[in-house]
Amino acid sequence: MKDAKSAPGKLYYSISEVSELTGVKAYVLRFWEREFPTLKPKKNRSGNRIYQEKEIELVRRIKKFLYEDGFTIEGARLQLRNGRKNRMTLPEKNLKSSVSAIRSEIKALIKLLS
């Protein structure tokens, strides 16, 4: 999966170029356009989608929320709406249960070593 920066000096990108740059299939990009109101690339005279840098950056953020952070589409929408870029993305309940599980394992290891 490529996730390289876009070509410098280029104003508009086709959906296939955005797909290549972000590692997100074209059909997924079209689906996301319906699901995320903020993702609205313009269309040229032929009716083809033309993405600008701001849309490409938005695609990268959506991809991160969905694929890396594990949000649902609704959760990713909320994250975009709230403008949470660099905040902790795990739900607090999951974090607490993870910490609790780690603590239990550490106690068990200490008991084994004693």
PDB file of N, CA and C in Angstrom:
ATOM      1  N   MET A   1       0.830  -1.188   0.000  1.00  0.00           N
ATOM      2  CA  MET A   1       0.000   0.000   0.000  1.00  0.00           C
ATOM      3  C   MET A   1       0.869   1.243   0.000  1.00  0.00           C
ATOM      4  N   LYS A   2       0.724   2.068  -0.983  1.00  0.00           N
ATOM      5  CA  LYS A   2       1.477   3.316  -1.009  1.00  0.00           C
ATOM      6  C   LYS A   2       0.763   4.355  -0.177  1.00  0.00           C
ATOM      7  N   ASP A   3       1.565   5.194   0.465  1.00  0.00           N
ATOM      8  CA  ASP A   3       0.997   6.297   1.217  1.00  0.00           C
ATOM      9  C   ASP A   3       1.939   7.490   1.091  1.00  0.00           C
ATOM     10  N   ALA A   4       2.471   7.636  -0.114  1.00  0.00           N
ATOM     11  CA  ALA A   4       3.439   8.705  -0.365  1.00  0.00           C
ATOM     12  C   ALA A   4       2.740  10.049  -0.490  1.00  0.00           C
ATOM     13  N   LYS A   5       3.519  11.095  -0.345  1.00  0.00           N
ATOM     14  CA  LYS A   5       2.983  12.444  -0.542  1.00  0.00           C
ATOM     15  C   LYS A   5       2.670  12.623  -2.018  1.00  0.00           C
ATOM     16  N   SER A   6       1.794  13.543  -2.335  1.00  0.00           N
ATOM     17  CA  SER A   6       1.417  13.789  -3.707  1.00  0.00           C
ATOM     18  C   SER A   6       2.502  14.583  -4.436  1.00  0.00           C
ATOM     19  N   ALA A   7       2.395  14.596  -5.745  1.00  0.00           N
ATOM     20  CA  ALA A   7       3.379  15.284  -6.584  1.00  0.00           C
ATOM     21  C   ALA A   7       3.341  16.784  -6.326  1.00  0.00           C
ATOM     22  N   PRO A   8       4.494  17.414  -6.156  1.00  0.00           N
ATOM     23  CA  PRO A   8       4.519  18.851  -5.902  1.00  0.00           C
ATOM     24  C   PRO A   8       4.079  19.644  -7.124  1.00  0.00           C
ATOM     25  N   GLY A   9       3.359  20.712  -6.871  1.00  0.00           N
ATOM     26  CA  GLY A   9       2.948  21.602  -7.953  1.00  0.00           C
ATOM     27  C   GLY A   9       1.712  21.165  -8.716  1.00  0.00           C
ATOM     28  N   LYS A  10       1.192  20.013  -8.434  1.00  0.00           N
ATOM     29  CA  LYS A  10       0.012  19.526  -9.131  1.00  0.00           C
ATOM     30  C   LYS A  10      -1.232  20.004  -8.385  1.00  0.00           C
ATOM     31  N   LEU A  11      -2.195  20.574  -9.118  1.00  0.00           N
ATOM     32  CA  LEU A  11      -3.388  21.113  -8.482  1.00  0.00           C
ATOM     33  C   LEU A  11      -4.511  20.092  -8.333  1.00  0.00           C
ATOM     34  N   TYR A  12      -4.667  19.234  -9.342  1.00  0.00           N
ATOM     35  CA  TYR A  12      -5.784  18.292  -9.345  1.00  0.00           C
ATOM     36  C   TYR A  12      -5.290  16.883  -9.622  1.00  0.00           C
ATOM     37  N   TYR A  13      -5.971  15.918  -8.987  1.00  0.00           N
ATOM     38  CA  TYR A  13      -5.620  14.517  -9.130  1.00  0.00           C
ATOM     39  C   TYR A  13      -6.866  13.732  -9.510  1.00  0.00           C
ATOM     40  N   SER A  14      -6.689  12.735 -10.357  1.00  0.00           N
ATOM     41  CA  SER A  14      -7.805  11.861 -10.717  1.00  0.00           C
ATOM     42  C   SER A  14      -8.052  10.876  -9.576  1.00  0.00           C
ATOM     43  N   ILE A  15      -9.170  10.194  -9.631  1.00  0.00           N
ATOM     44  CA  ILE A  15      -9.495   9.234  -8.582  1.00  0.00           C
ATOM     45  C   ILE A  15      -8.485   8.089  -8.574  1.00  0.00           C
ATOM     46  N   SER A  16      -7.983   7.704  -9.744  1.00  0.00           N
ATOM     47  CA  SER A  16      -6.983   6.630  -9.790  1.00  0.00           C
ATOM     48  C   SER A  16      -5.657   7.093  -9.173  1.00  0.00           C
ATOM     49  N   GLU A  17      -5.293   8.343  -9.370  1.00  0.00           N
ATOM     50  CA  GLU A  17      -4.072   8.873  -8.755  1.00  0.00           C
ATOM     51  C   GLU A  17      -4.222   8.933  -7.236  1.00  0.00           C
ATOM     52  N   VAL A  18      -5.384   9.365  -6.772  1.00  0.00           N
ATOM     53  CA  VAL A  18      -5.634   9.430  -5.324  1.00  0.00           C
ATOM     54  C   VAL A  18      -5.619   8.021  -4.740  1.00  0.00           C
ATOM     55  N   SER A  19      -6.182   7.088  -5.453  1.00  0.00           N
ATOM     56  CA  SER A  19      -6.178   5.697  -5.017  1.00  0.00           C
ATOM     57  C   SER A  19      -4.747   5.204  -4.867  1.00  0.00           C
ATOM     58  N   GLU A  20      -3.914   5.508  -5.832  1.00  0.00           N
ATOM     59  CA  GLU A  20      -2.503   5.107  -5.795  1.00  0.00           C
ATOM     60  C   GLU A  20      -1.752   5.798  -4.660  1.00  0.00           C
ATOM     61  N   LEU A  21      -2.002   7.086  -4.462  1.00  0.00           N
ATOM     62  CA  LEU A  21      -1.303   7.854  -3.431  1.00  0.00           C
ATOM     63  C   LEU A  21      -1.670   7.420  -2.014  1.00  0.00           C
ATOM     64  N   THR A  22      -2.938   7.067  -1.812  1.00  0.00           N
ATOM     65  CA  THR A  22      -3.421   6.776  -0.461  1.00  0.00           C
ATOM     66  C   THR A  22      -3.544   5.287  -0.154  1.00  0.00           C
ATOM     67  N   GLY A  23      -3.528   4.451  -1.175  1.00  0.00           N
ATOM     68  CA  GLY A  23      -3.706   3.023  -0.946  1.00  0.00           C
ATOM     69  C   GLY A  23      -5.156   2.636  -0.694  1.00  0.00           C
ATOM     70  N   VAL A  24      -6.086   3.483  -1.130  1.00  0.00           N
ATOM     71  CA  VAL A  24      -7.516   3.222  -0.967  1.00  0.00           C
ATOM     72  C   VAL A  24      -8.111   3.014  -2.359  1.00  0.00           C
ATOM     73  N   LYS A  25      -8.810   1.925  -2.545  1.00  0.00           N
ATOM     74  CA  LYS A  25      -9.393   1.617  -3.857  1.00  0.00           C
ATOM     75  C   LYS A  25     -10.394   2.694  -4.289  1.00  0.00           C
ATOM     76  N   ALA A  26     -10.525   2.865  -5.606  1.00  0.00           N
ATOM     77  CA  ALA A  26     -11.405   3.897  -6.160  1.00  0.00           C
ATOM     78  C   ALA A  26     -12.861   3.689  -5.729  1.00  0.00           C
ATOM     79  N   TYR A  27     -13.321   2.445  -5.698  1.00  0.00           N
ATOM     80  CA  TYR A  27     -14.717   2.216  -5.306  1.00  0.00           C
ATOM     81  C   TYR A  27     -14.947   2.583  -3.841  1.00  0.00           C
ATOM     82  N   VAL A  28     -13.911   2.429  -3.012  1.00  0.00           N
ATOM     83  CA  VAL A  28     -14.016   2.810  -1.602  1.00  0.00           C
ATOM     84  C   VAL A  28     -14.083   4.336  -1.498  1.00  0.00           C
ATOM     85  N   LEU A  29     -13.282   5.032  -2.302  1.00  0.00           N
ATOM     86  CA  LEU A  29     -13.323   6.502  -2.308  1.00  0.00           C
ATOM     87  C   LEU A  29     -14.714   6.998  -2.695  1.00  0.00           C
ATOM     88  N   ARG A  30     -15.312   6.366  -3.704  1.00  0.00           N
ATOM     89  CA  ARG A  30     -16.657   6.781  -4.116  1.00  0.00           C
ATOM     90  C   ARG A  30     -17.670   6.505  -3.002  1.00  0.00           C
ATOM     91  N   PHE A  31     -17.520   5.371  -2.302  1.00  0.00           N
ATOM     92  CA  PHE A  31     -18.399   5.059  -1.174  1.00  0.00           C
ATOM     93  C   PHE A  31     -18.228   6.094  -0.066  1.00  0.00           C
ATOM     94  N   TRP A  32     -16.979   6.427   0.255  1.00  0.00           N
ATOM     95  CA  TRP A  32     -16.715   7.411   1.300  1.00  0.00           C
ATOM     96  C   TRP A  32     -17.322   8.771   0.972  1.00  0.00           C
ATOM     97  N   GLU A  33     -17.393   9.112  -0.302  1.00  0.00           N
ATOM     98  CA  GLU A  33     -18.019  10.388  -0.693  1.00  0.00           C
ATOM     99  C   GLU A  33     -19.473  10.436  -0.241  1.00  0.00           C
ATOM    100  N   ARG A  34     -20.144   9.286  -0.273  1.00  0.00           N
ATOM    101  CA  ARG A  34     -21.539   9.242   0.179  1.00  0.00           C
ATOM    102  C   ARG A  34     -21.635   9.255   1.697  1.00  0.00           C
ATOM    103  N   GLU A  35     -20.655   8.661   2.371  1.00  0.00           N
ATOM    104  CA  GLU A  35     -20.696   8.515   3.824  1.00  0.00           C
ATOM    105  C   GLU A  35     -20.147   9.715   4.596  1.00  0.00           C
ATOM    106  N   PHE A  36     -19.219  10.442   3.987  1.00  0.00           N
ATOM    107  CA  PHE A  36     -18.585  11.582   4.658  1.00  0.00           C
ATOM    108  C   PHE A  36     -18.908  12.861   3.899  1.00  0.00           C
ATOM    109  N   PRO A  37     -19.814  13.679   4.429  1.00  0.00           N
ATOM    110  CA  PRO A  37     -20.254  14.886   3.725  1.00  0.00           C
ATOM    111  C   PRO A  37     -19.124  15.862   3.420  1.00  0.00           C
ATOM    112  N   THR A  38     -18.047  15.821   4.183  1.00  0.00           N
ATOM    113  CA  THR A  38     -16.942  16.759   3.947  1.00  0.00           C
ATOM    114  C   THR A  38     -16.063  16.346   2.775  1.00  0.00           C
ATOM    115  N   LEU A  39     -16.168  15.111   2.326  1.00  0.00           N
ATOM    116  CA  LEU A  39     -15.380  14.634   1.187  1.00  0.00           C
ATOM    117  C   LEU A  39     -16.182  14.839  -0.092  1.00  0.00           C
ATOM    118  N   LYS A  40     -15.960  15.965  -0.735  1.00  0.00           N
ATOM    119  CA  LYS A  40     -16.702  16.317  -1.947  1.00  0.00           C
ATOM    120  C   LYS A  40     -15.737  16.819  -3.024  1.00  0.00           C
ATOM    121  N   PRO A  41     -15.081  15.907  -3.745  1.00  0.00           N
ATOM    122  CA  PRO A  41     -14.215  16.384  -4.820  1.00  0.00           C
ATOM    123  C   PRO A  41     -15.060  16.996  -5.942  1.00  0.00           C
ATOM    124  N   LYS A  42     -14.480  17.983  -6.603  1.00  0.00           N
ATOM    125  CA  LYS A  42     -15.182  18.600  -7.726  1.00  0.00           C
ATOM    126  C   LYS A  42     -15.153  17.651  -8.906  1.00  0.00           C
ATOM    127  N   LYS A  43     -15.929  17.971  -9.922  1.00  0.00           N
ATOM    128  CA  LYS A  43     -15.925  17.184 -11.155  1.00  0.00           C
ATOM    129  C   LYS A  43     -15.548  18.100 -12.309  1.00  0.00           C
ATOM    130  N   ASN A  44     -14.812  17.531 -13.264  1.00  0.00           N
ATOM    131  CA  ASN A  44     -14.437  18.332 -14.424  1.00  0.00           C
ATOM    132  C   ASN A  44     -15.557  18.310 -15.463  1.00  0.00           C
ATOM    133  N   ARG A  45     -15.309  18.892 -16.604  1.00  0.00           N
ATOM    134  CA  ARG A  45     -16.358  18.961 -17.644  1.00  0.00           C
ATOM    135  C   ARG A  45     -16.841  17.590 -18.090  1.00  0.00           C
ATOM    136  N   SER A  46     -15.960  16.622 -18.033  1.00  0.00           N
ATOM    137  CA  SER A  46     -16.324  15.258 -18.425  1.00  0.00           C
ATOM    138  C   SER A  46     -17.093  14.520 -17.343  1.00  0.00           C
ATOM    139  N   GLY A  47     -17.153  15.110 -16.141  1.00  0.00           N
ATOM    140  CA  GLY A  47     -17.843  14.465 -15.037  1.00  0.00           C
ATOM    141  C   GLY A  47     -16.931  13.603 -14.180  1.00  0.00           C
ATOM    142  N   ASN A  48     -15.615  13.635 -14.466  1.00  0.00           N
ATOM    143  CA  ASN A  48     -14.666  12.865 -13.668  1.00  0.00           C
ATOM    144  C   ASN A  48     -14.307  13.624 -12.396  1.00  0.00           C
ATOM    145  N   ARG A  49     -14.126  12.880 -11.322  1.00  0.00           N
ATOM    146  CA  ARG A  49     -13.755  13.496 -10.051  1.00  0.00           C
ATOM    147  C   ARG A  49     -12.338  14.047 -10.129  1.00  0.00           C
ATOM    148  N   ILE A  50     -12.160  15.249  -9.584  1.00  0.00           N
ATOM    149  CA  ILE A  50     -10.823  15.831  -9.486  1.00  0.00           C
ATOM    150  C   ILE A  50     -10.591  16.243  -8.036  1.00  0.00           C
ATOM    151  N   TYR A  51      -9.590  15.619  -7.447  1.00  0.00           N
ATOM    152  CA  TYR A  51      -9.270  15.833  -6.039  1.00  0.00           C
ATOM    153  C   TYR A  51      -8.171  16.881  -5.916  1.00  0.00           C
ATOM    154  N   GLN A  52      -8.275  17.695  -4.870  1.00  0.00           N
ATOM    155  CA  GLN A  52      -7.224  18.641  -4.532  1.00  0.00           C
ATOM    156  C   GLN A  52      -6.513  18.110  -3.294  1.00  0.00           C
ATOM    157  N   GLU A  53      -5.432  18.788  -2.910  1.00  0.00           N
ATOM    158  CA  GLU A  53      -4.652  18.361  -1.749  1.00  0.00           C
ATOM    159  C   GLU A  53      -5.510  18.208  -0.497  1.00  0.00           C
ATOM    160  N   LYS A  54      -6.453  19.150  -0.291  1.00  0.00           N
ATOM    161  CA  LYS A  54      -7.275  19.083   0.923  1.00  0.00           C
ATOM    162  C   LYS A  54      -8.119  17.813   0.955  1.00  0.00           C
ATOM    163  N   GLU A  55      -8.627  17.372  -0.189  1.00  0.00           N
ATOM    164  CA  GLU A  55      -9.410  16.134  -0.225  1.00  0.00           C
ATOM    165  C   GLU A  55      -8.520  14.916  -0.005  1.00  0.00           C
ATOM    166  N   ILE A  56      -7.303  14.962  -0.535  1.00  0.00           N
ATOM    167  CA  ILE A  56      -6.377  13.843  -0.347  1.00  0.00           C
ATOM    168  C   ILE A  56      -6.010  13.717   1.129  1.00  0.00           C
ATOM    169  N   GLU A  57      -5.776  14.831   1.772  1.00  0.00           N
ATOM    170  CA  GLU A  57      -5.467  14.814   3.206  1.00  0.00           C
ATOM    171  C   GLU A  57      -6.663  14.275   4.000  1.00  0.00           C
ATOM    172  N   LEU A  58      -7.864  14.657   3.604  1.00  0.00           N
ATOM    173  CA  LEU A  58      -9.069  14.159   4.265  1.00  0.00           C
ATOM    174  C   LEU A  58      -9.199  12.648   4.082  1.00  0.00           C
ATOM    175  N   VAL A  59      -8.900  12.146   2.897  1.00  0.00           N
ATOM    176  CA  VAL A  59      -8.931  10.704   2.647  1.00  0.00           C
ATOM    177  C   VAL A  59      -7.948   9.997   3.576  1.00  0.00           C
ATOM    178  N   ARG A  60      -6.763  10.564   3.734  1.00  0.00           N
ATOM    179  CA  ARG A  60      -5.768   9.965   4.630  1.00  0.00           C
ATOM    180  C   ARG A  60      -6.263   9.941   6.074  1.00  0.00           C
ATOM    181  N   ARG A  61      -6.915  11.014   6.505  1.00  0.00           N
ATOM    182  CA  ARG A  61      -7.446  11.053   7.873  1.00  0.00           C
ATOM    183  C   ARG A  61      -8.549  10.017   8.060  1.00  0.00           C
ATOM    184  N   ILE A  62      -9.463   9.923   7.083  1.00  0.00           N
ATOM    185  CA  ILE A  62     -10.549   8.937   7.158  1.00  0.00           C
ATOM    186  C   ILE A  62      -9.959   7.532   7.205  1.00  0.00           C
ATOM    187  N   LYS A  63      -8.981   7.274   6.357  1.00  0.00           N
ATOM    188  CA  LYS A  63      -8.334   5.962   6.325  1.00  0.00           C
ATOM    189  C   LYS A  63      -7.725   5.637   7.683  1.00  0.00           C
ATOM    190  N   LYS A  64      -7.053   6.591   8.292  1.00  0.00           N
ATOM    191  CA  LYS A  64      -6.444   6.383   9.609  1.00  0.00           C
ATOM    192  C   LYS A  64      -7.511   6.062  10.649  1.00  0.00           C
ATOM    193  N   PHE A  65      -8.584   6.847  10.664  1.00  0.00           N
ATOM    194  CA  PHE A  65      -9.651   6.612  11.635  1.00  0.00           C
ATOM    195  C   PHE A  65     -10.259   5.218  11.476  1.00  0.00           C
ATOM    196  N   LEU A  66     -10.494   4.801  10.232  1.00  0.00           N
ATOM    197  CA  LEU A  66     -11.169   3.527   9.994  1.00  0.00           C
ATOM    198  C   LEU A  66     -10.230   2.331  10.116  1.00  0.00           C
ATOM    199  N   TYR A  67      -9.062   2.401   9.497  1.00  0.00           N
ATOM    200  CA  TYR A  67      -8.194   1.226   9.406  1.00  0.00           C
ATOM    201  C   TYR A  67      -7.197   1.111  10.549  1.00  0.00           C
ATOM    202  N   GLU A  68      -6.667   2.224  11.025  1.00  0.00           N
ATOM    203  CA  GLU A  68      -5.658   2.152  12.082  1.00  0.00           C
ATOM    204  C   GLU A  68      -6.285   2.272  13.472  1.00  0.00           C
ATOM    205  N   ASP A  69      -7.207   3.208  13.628  1.00  0.00           N
ATOM    206  CA  ASP A  69      -7.790   3.471  14.944  1.00  0.00           C
ATOM    207  C   ASP A  69      -9.000   2.593  15.239  1.00  0.00           C
ATOM    208  N   GLY A  70      -9.547   1.954  14.228  1.00  0.00           N
ATOM    209  CA  GLY A  70     -10.638   1.011  14.440  1.00  0.00           C
ATOM    210  C   GLY A  70     -12.015   1.628  14.642  1.00  0.00           C
ATOM    211  N   PHE A  71     -12.205   2.859  14.192  1.00  0.00           N
ATOM    212  CA  PHE A  71     -13.513   3.484  14.319  1.00  0.00           C
ATOM    213  C   PHE A  71     -14.484   2.928  13.289  1.00  0.00           C
ATOM    214  N   THR A  72     -15.767   2.991  13.616  1.00  0.00           N
ATOM    215  CA  THR A  72     -16.800   2.709  12.627  1.00  0.00           C
ATOM    216  C   THR A  72     -16.918   3.947  11.744  1.00  0.00           C
ATOM    217  N   ILE A  73     -17.708   3.866  10.703  1.00  0.00           N
ATOM    218  CA  ILE A  73     -17.906   5.027   9.828  1.00  0.00           C
ATOM    219  C   ILE A  73     -18.523   6.168  10.627  1.00  0.00           C
ATOM    220  N   GLU A  74     -19.502   5.850  11.459  1.00  0.00           N
ATOM    221  CA  GLU A  74     -20.126   6.891  12.286  1.00  0.00           C
ATOM    222  C   GLU A  74     -19.110   7.502  13.249  1.00  0.00           C
ATOM    223  N   GLY A  75     -18.272   6.663  13.840  1.00  0.00           N
ATOM    224  CA  GLY A  75     -17.241   7.157  14.749  1.00  0.00           C
ATOM    225  C   GLY A  75     -16.237   8.056  14.039  1.00  0.00           C
ATOM    226  N   ALA A  76     -15.855   7.663  12.829  1.00  0.00           N
ATOM    227  CA  ALA A  76     -14.926   8.489  12.041  1.00  0.00           C
ATOM    228  C   ALA A  76     -15.572   9.825  11.679  1.00  0.00           C
ATOM    229  N   ARG A  77     -16.865   9.773  11.349  1.00  0.00           N
ATOM    230  CA  ARG A  77     -17.600  11.018  11.054  1.00  0.00           C
ATOM    231  C   ARG A  77     -17.552  11.958  12.254  1.00  0.00           C
ATOM    232  N   LEU A  78     -17.788  11.400  13.438  1.00  0.00           N
ATOM    233  CA  LEU A  78     -17.750  12.212  14.659  1.00  0.00           C
ATOM    234  C   LEU A  78     -16.358  12.781  14.901  1.00  0.00           C
ATOM    235  N   GLN A  79     -15.341  11.980  14.671  1.00  0.00           N
ATOM    236  CA  GLN A  79     -13.972  12.457  14.850  1.00  0.00           C
ATOM    237  C   GLN A  79     -13.688  13.632  13.909  1.00  0.00           C
ATOM    238  N   LEU A  80     -14.132  13.514  12.682  1.00  0.00           N
ATOM    239  CA  LEU A  80     -13.925  14.608  11.723  1.00  0.00           C
ATOM    240  C   LEU A  80     -14.717  15.842  12.139  1.00  0.00           C
ATOM    241  N   ARG A  81     -15.931  15.612  12.587  1.00  0.00           N
ATOM    242  CA  ARG A  81     -16.793  16.721  12.991  1.00  0.00           C
ATOM    243  C   ARG A  81     -16.204  17.458  14.194  1.00  0.00           C
ATOM    244  N   ASN A  82     -15.648  16.702  15.125  1.00  0.00           N
ATOM    245  CA  ASN A  82     -15.086  17.293  16.333  1.00  0.00           C
ATOM    246  C   ASN A  82     -13.678  17.818  16.127  1.00  0.00           C
ATOM    247  N   GLY A  83     -13.079  17.513  14.986  1.00  0.00           N
ATOM    248  CA  GLY A  83     -11.748  18.015  14.685  1.00  0.00           C
ATOM    249  C   GLY A  83     -10.650  17.403  15.515  1.00  0.00           C
ATOM    250  N   ARG A  84     -10.846  16.180  15.954  1.00  0.00           N
ATOM    251  CA  ARG A  84      -9.838  15.505  16.780  1.00  0.00           C
ATOM    252  C   ARG A  84      -8.800  14.879  15.862  1.00  0.00           C
ATOM    253  N   LYS A  85      -7.672  15.528  15.740  1.00  0.00           N
ATOM    254  CA  LYS A  85      -6.624  15.019  14.865  1.00  0.00           C
ATOM    255  C   LYS A  85      -5.642  14.130  15.611  1.00  0.00           C
ATOM    256  N   ASN A  86      -5.123  14.619  16.705  1.00  0.00           N
ATOM    257  CA  ASN A  86      -4.038  13.916  17.379  1.00  0.00           C
ATOM    258  C   ASN A  86      -4.402  13.416  18.769  1.00  0.00           C
ATOM    259  N   ARG A  87      -5.654  13.310  19.073  1.00  0.00           N
ATOM    260  CA  ARG A  87      -6.066  12.827  20.388  1.00  0.00           C
ATOM    261  C   ARG A  87      -6.003  11.318  20.453  1.00  0.00           C
ATOM    262  N   MET A  88      -6.032  10.812  21.676  1.00  0.00           N
ATOM    263  CA  MET A  88      -6.079   9.377  21.850  1.00  0.00           C
ATOM    264  C   MET A  88      -7.363   8.866  21.216  1.00  0.00           C
ATOM    265  N   THR A  89      -7.262   7.798  20.441  1.00  0.00           N
ATOM    266  CA  THR A  89      -8.415   7.350  19.678  1.00  0.00           C
ATOM    267  C   THR A  89      -9.072   6.094  20.223  1.00  0.00           C
ATOM    268  N   LEU A  90      -8.459   5.424  21.187  1.00  0.00           N
ATOM    269  CA  LEU A  90      -9.118   4.257  21.768  1.00  0.00           C
ATOM    270  C   LEU A  90     -10.237   4.708  22.694  1.00  0.00           C
ATOM    271  N   PRO A  91     -11.373   4.087  22.618  1.00  0.00           N
ATOM    272  CA  PRO A  91     -12.428   4.421  23.577  1.00  0.00           C
ATOM    273  C   PRO A  91     -11.936   4.133  24.987  1.00  0.00           C
ATOM    274  N   GLU A  92     -12.339   4.963  25.935  1.00  0.00           N
ATOM    275  CA  GLU A  92     -11.846   4.863  27.311  1.00  0.00           C
ATOM    276  C   GLU A  92     -12.123   3.498  27.922  1.00  0.00           C
ATOM    277  N   LYS A  93     -13.269   2.923  27.628  1.00  0.00           N
ATOM    278  CA  LYS A  93     -13.626   1.624  28.200  1.00  0.00           C
ATOM    279  C   LYS A  93     -12.626   0.557  27.758  1.00  0.00           C
ATOM    280  N   ASN A  94     -12.282   0.542  26.462  1.00  0.00           N
ATOM    281  CA  ASN A  94     -11.315  -0.433  25.957  1.00  0.00           C
ATOM    282  C   ASN A  94      -9.945  -0.205  26.577  1.00  0.00           C
ATOM    283  N   LEU A  95      -9.578   1.041  26.758  1.00  0.00           N
ATOM    284  CA  LEU A  95      -8.287   1.367  27.351  1.00  0.00           C
ATOM    285  C   LEU A  95      -8.217   0.850  28.785  1.00  0.00           C
ATOM    286  N   LYS A  96      -9.274   1.081  29.549  1.00  0.00           N
ATOM    287  CA  LYS A  96      -9.289   0.619  30.938  1.00  0.00           C
ATOM    288  C   LYS A  96      -9.206  -0.898  31.018  1.00  0.00           C
ATOM    289  N   SER A  97      -9.924  -1.600  30.153  1.00  0.00           N
ATOM    290  CA  SER A  97      -9.880  -3.058  30.195  1.00  0.00           C
ATOM    291  C   SER A  97      -8.511  -3.569  29.753  1.00  0.00           C
ATOM    292  N   SER A  98      -7.869  -2.891  28.802  1.00  0.00           N
ATOM    293  CA  SER A  98      -6.532  -3.281  28.371  1.00  0.00           C
ATOM    294  C   SER A  98      -5.526  -3.082  29.489  1.00  0.00           C
ATOM    295  N   VAL A  99      -5.591  -1.958  30.166  1.00  0.00           N
ATOM    296  CA  VAL A  99      -4.681  -1.680  31.282  1.00  0.00           C
ATOM    297  C   VAL A  99      -4.908  -2.705  32.389  1.00  0.00           C
ATOM    298  N   SER A 100      -6.151  -3.013  32.656  1.00  0.00           N
ATOM    299  CA  SER A 100      -6.474  -3.990  33.695  1.00  0.00           C
ATOM    300  C   SER A 100      -5.902  -5.355  33.335  1.00  0.00           C
ATOM    301  N   ALA A 101      -6.024  -5.761  32.097  1.00  0.00           N
ATOM    302  CA  ALA A 101      -5.494  -7.056  31.654  1.00  0.00           C
ATOM    303  C   ALA A 101      -3.975  -7.082  31.758  1.00  0.00           C
ATOM    304  N   ILE A 102      -3.327  -5.996  31.377  1.00  0.00           N
ATOM    305  CA  ILE A 102      -1.870  -5.917  31.460  1.00  0.00           C
ATOM    306  C   ILE A 102      -1.424  -5.992  32.921  1.00  0.00           C
ATOM    307  N   ARG A 103      -2.121  -5.268  33.786  1.00  0.00           N
ATOM    308  CA  ARG A 103      -1.802  -5.271  35.213  1.00  0.00           C
ATOM    309  C   ARG A 103      -1.906  -6.693  35.771  1.00  0.00           C
ATOM    310  N   SER A 104      -2.948  -7.415  35.394  1.00  0.00           N
ATOM    311  CA  SER A 104      -3.134  -8.793  35.870  1.00  0.00           C
ATOM    312  C   SER A 104      -1.993  -9.687  35.407  1.00  0.00           C
ATOM    313  N   GLU A 105      -1.577  -9.522  34.153  1.00  0.00           N
ATOM    314  CA  GLU A 105      -0.480 -10.340  33.629  1.00  0.00           C
ATOM    315  C   GLU A 105       0.826 -10.022  34.340  1.00  0.00           C
ATOM    316  N   ILE A 106       1.073  -8.757  34.629  1.00  0.00           N
ATOM    317  CA  ILE A 106       2.302  -8.367  35.332  1.00  0.00           C
ATOM    318  C   ILE A 106       2.308  -8.978  36.737  1.00  0.00           C
ATOM    319  N   LYS A 107       1.166  -8.931  37.420  1.00  0.00           N
ATOM    320  CA  LYS A 107       1.074  -9.542  38.757  1.00  0.00           C
ATOM    321  C   LYS A 107       1.357 -11.040  38.701  1.00  0.00           C
ATOM    322  N   ALA A 108       0.822 -11.696  37.665  1.00  0.00           N
ATOM    323  CA  ALA A 108       1.057 -13.129  37.522  1.00  0.00           C
ATOM    324  C   ALA A 108       2.537 -13.411  37.259  1.00  0.00           C
ATOM    325  N   LEU A 109       3.180 -12.599  36.471  1.00  0.00           N
ATOM    326  CA  LEU A 109       4.609 -12.765  36.187  1.00  0.00           C
ATOM    327  C   LEU A 109       5.440 -12.549  37.445  1.00  0.00           C
ATOM    328  N   ILE A 110       5.099 -11.542  38.222  1.00  0.00           N
ATOM    329  CA  ILE A 110       5.812 -11.256  39.480  1.00  0.00           C
ATOM    330  C   ILE A 110       5.674 -12.453  40.423  1.00  0.00           C
ATOM    331  N   LYS A 111       4.478 -13.027  40.472  1.00  0.00           N
ATOM    332  CA  LYS A 111       4.224 -14.177  41.333  1.00  0.00           C
ATOM    333  C   LYS A 111       5.095 -15.362  40.889  1.00  0.00           C
ATOM    334  N   LEU A 112       5.211 -15.568  39.564  1.00  0.00           N
ATOM    335  CA  LEU A 112       6.038 -16.657  39.049  1.00  0.00           C
ATOM    336  C   LEU A 112       7.516 -16.451  39.374  1.00  0.00           C
ATOM    337  N   LEU A 113       7.968 -15.222  39.325  1.00  0.00           N
ATOM    338  CA  LEU A 113       9.376 -14.924  39.563  1.00  0.00           C
ATOM    339  C   LEU A 113       9.740 -14.937  41.041  1.00  0.00           C
ATOM    340  N   SER A 114       8.756 -14.788  41.900  1.00  0.00           N
ATOM    341  CA  SER A 114       9.032 -14.740  43.357  1.00  0.00           C
ATOM    342  C   SER A 114       9.302 -16.093  43.939  1.00  0.00           C
TER     343      SER A 114
END
